[in-house]
Protein backbone atom coordinates (compact mmCIF):
# COMPACT_ATOMS: atom_id res chain seq x y z
CA MET A 1 -19.91 -43.75 -61.55
CA ALA A 2 -20.67 -40.49 -59.74
CA ALA A 3 -24.04 -41.61 -58.85
CA ILE A 4 -22.70 -44.87 -57.42
CA VAL A 5 -20.12 -43.23 -55.26
CA LEU A 6 -22.62 -40.46 -54.08
CA SER A 7 -25.19 -43.18 -53.20
CA LEU A 8 -22.60 -45.12 -51.23
CA VAL A 9 -21.88 -42.28 -48.91
CA TYR A 10 -24.98 -40.24 -48.92
CA ARG A 11 -27.56 -43.06 -48.60
CA GLN A 12 -25.09 -44.75 -46.26
CA ILE A 13 -25.23 -47.95 -48.22
CA GLN A 14 -22.82 -50.39 -46.56
CA HIS A 15 -22.04 -52.84 -49.28
CA PHE A 16 -21.08 -52.05 -52.91
CA THR A 17 -23.28 -55.06 -54.09
CA ASP A 18 -26.17 -53.41 -52.44
CA VAL A 19 -25.58 -50.31 -54.34
CA LEU A 20 -25.43 -52.23 -57.74
CA ARG A 21 -28.53 -54.02 -56.73
CA CYS A 22 -30.31 -50.54 -56.11
CA LEU A 23 -28.82 -49.47 -59.61
CA GLU A 24 -30.43 -52.53 -61.29
CA VAL A 25 -33.76 -52.36 -59.67
CA GLU A 26 -34.64 -48.76 -58.98
CA GLY A 27 -31.73 -46.58 -60.38
CA LEU A 28 -29.71 -44.18 -58.30
CA LEU A 29 -30.12 -40.60 -58.00
CA TRP A 30 -30.22 -39.27 -61.58
CA ALA A 31 -29.25 -42.54 -63.22
CA GLU A 32 -32.12 -44.64 -64.29
CA ALA A 33 -32.29 -48.44 -63.45
CA ILE A 34 -29.90 -50.20 -65.67
CA SER A 35 -28.39 -53.62 -65.78
CA VAL A 36 -24.75 -53.81 -66.25
CA SER A 37 -22.32 -56.86 -66.17
CA ARG A 38 -19.94 -57.38 -63.42
CA GLN A 39 -16.92 -57.07 -65.90
CA ALA A 40 -18.15 -53.59 -67.03
CA ARG A 41 -18.86 -52.37 -63.53
CA SER A 42 -15.26 -53.47 -62.52
CA GLN A 43 -13.67 -51.69 -65.49
CA ARG A 44 -15.62 -48.70 -65.08
CA LEU A 45 -14.63 -48.44 -61.46
CA GLU A 46 -11.04 -49.05 -62.28
CA SER A 47 -11.19 -46.26 -64.76
CA LEU A 48 -12.39 -43.57 -62.24
CA PRO A 49 -9.48 -41.28 -61.41
CA SER A 50 -8.70 -41.48 -57.68
CA ASP A 51 -8.61 -37.79 -57.49
CA LEU A 52 -12.13 -37.46 -58.74
CA PHE A 53 -13.34 -40.06 -56.26
CA ILE A 54 -11.55 -38.41 -53.46
CA LYS A 55 -13.07 -34.95 -54.17
CA LEU A 56 -16.56 -36.51 -54.71
CA PHE A 57 -16.11 -38.39 -51.36
CA GLU A 58 -15.00 -35.27 -49.51
CA GLN A 59 -17.90 -33.10 -50.75
CA VAL A 60 -20.50 -35.43 -49.83
CA ILE A 61 -19.01 -35.94 -46.41
CA GLU A 62 -18.89 -32.16 -46.06
CA ARG A 63 -22.49 -31.76 -47.07
CA LEU A 64 -23.71 -34.66 -44.61
CA ALA A 65 -21.90 -32.96 -41.75
CA ALA A 66 -23.41 -29.66 -42.51
CA LYS A 67 -26.85 -31.22 -42.75
CA LYS A 68 -26.47 -32.92 -39.34
CA ASN A 69 -25.49 -29.64 -37.74
CA LYS A 70 -28.72 -27.98 -39.21
CA ASN A 71 -31.21 -30.69 -37.69
CA GLU A 72 -33.08 -28.88 -34.87
CA VAL A 73 -34.90 -30.44 -32.18
CA ALA A 74 -38.43 -30.04 -31.62
CA PRO A 75 -39.16 -27.67 -28.56
CA MET A 76 -40.82 -30.32 -26.60
CA TRP A 77 -37.64 -32.67 -26.82
CA VAL A 78 -34.88 -30.03 -25.94
CA SER A 79 -34.72 -31.13 -22.31
CA VAL A 80 -34.16 -34.74 -23.53
CA ALA A 81 -31.64 -33.83 -26.07
CA SER A 82 -29.62 -31.74 -23.79
CA SER A 83 -29.45 -34.96 -21.41
CA PHE A 84 -28.89 -37.60 -23.97
CA ASN A 85 -26.98 -38.27 -27.20
CA ALA A 86 -29.55 -40.63 -28.54
CA VAL A 87 -32.89 -42.03 -27.82
CA TRP A 88 -33.83 -45.59 -28.57
CA ILE A 89 -37.43 -46.63 -29.22
CA VAL A 90 -38.25 -50.21 -28.65
CA ASP A 91 -41.46 -52.12 -29.59
CA ALA A 92 -42.25 -54.58 -26.81
CA SER A 93 -45.32 -56.21 -28.73
CA THR A 94 -43.34 -59.37 -29.41
CA LEU A 95 -42.31 -59.48 -25.86
CA GLU A 96 -45.73 -59.17 -24.58
CA ALA A 97 -47.02 -62.04 -26.91
CA VAL A 98 -44.22 -64.42 -25.50
CA LYS A 99 -45.24 -63.53 -21.94
CA LYS A 100 -48.84 -64.32 -22.57
CA HIS A 101 -47.88 -67.49 -24.44
CA LEU A 102 -45.48 -68.54 -21.44
CA GLY A 103 -48.27 -67.60 -18.96
CA GLN A 104 -50.79 -69.86 -20.80
CA LEU A 105 -48.29 -72.76 -20.67
CA GLN A 106 -47.93 -72.50 -16.93
């Protein structure tokens, strides 16, 4: 159960079903790939003490926050990082193909 909880938070998987699918296909962290029935997963999750779940969750969140603070920006991007919170990169190849196609139709 700890591998599932840690994977939910650390890998930032949004849905519990996606975590369980990963468990069946590739395994999670130290847990090898295994197929488990829905009933067994539900019973195991219900048996996990809430205190333990909270401690695991808080520790992973703390480590993620510390990791984000340690991310350094390459020297060539310092001026950009000081001006913007995020940089979005867009691939316009599909748009160019549409433009060419529309141009041919005219």
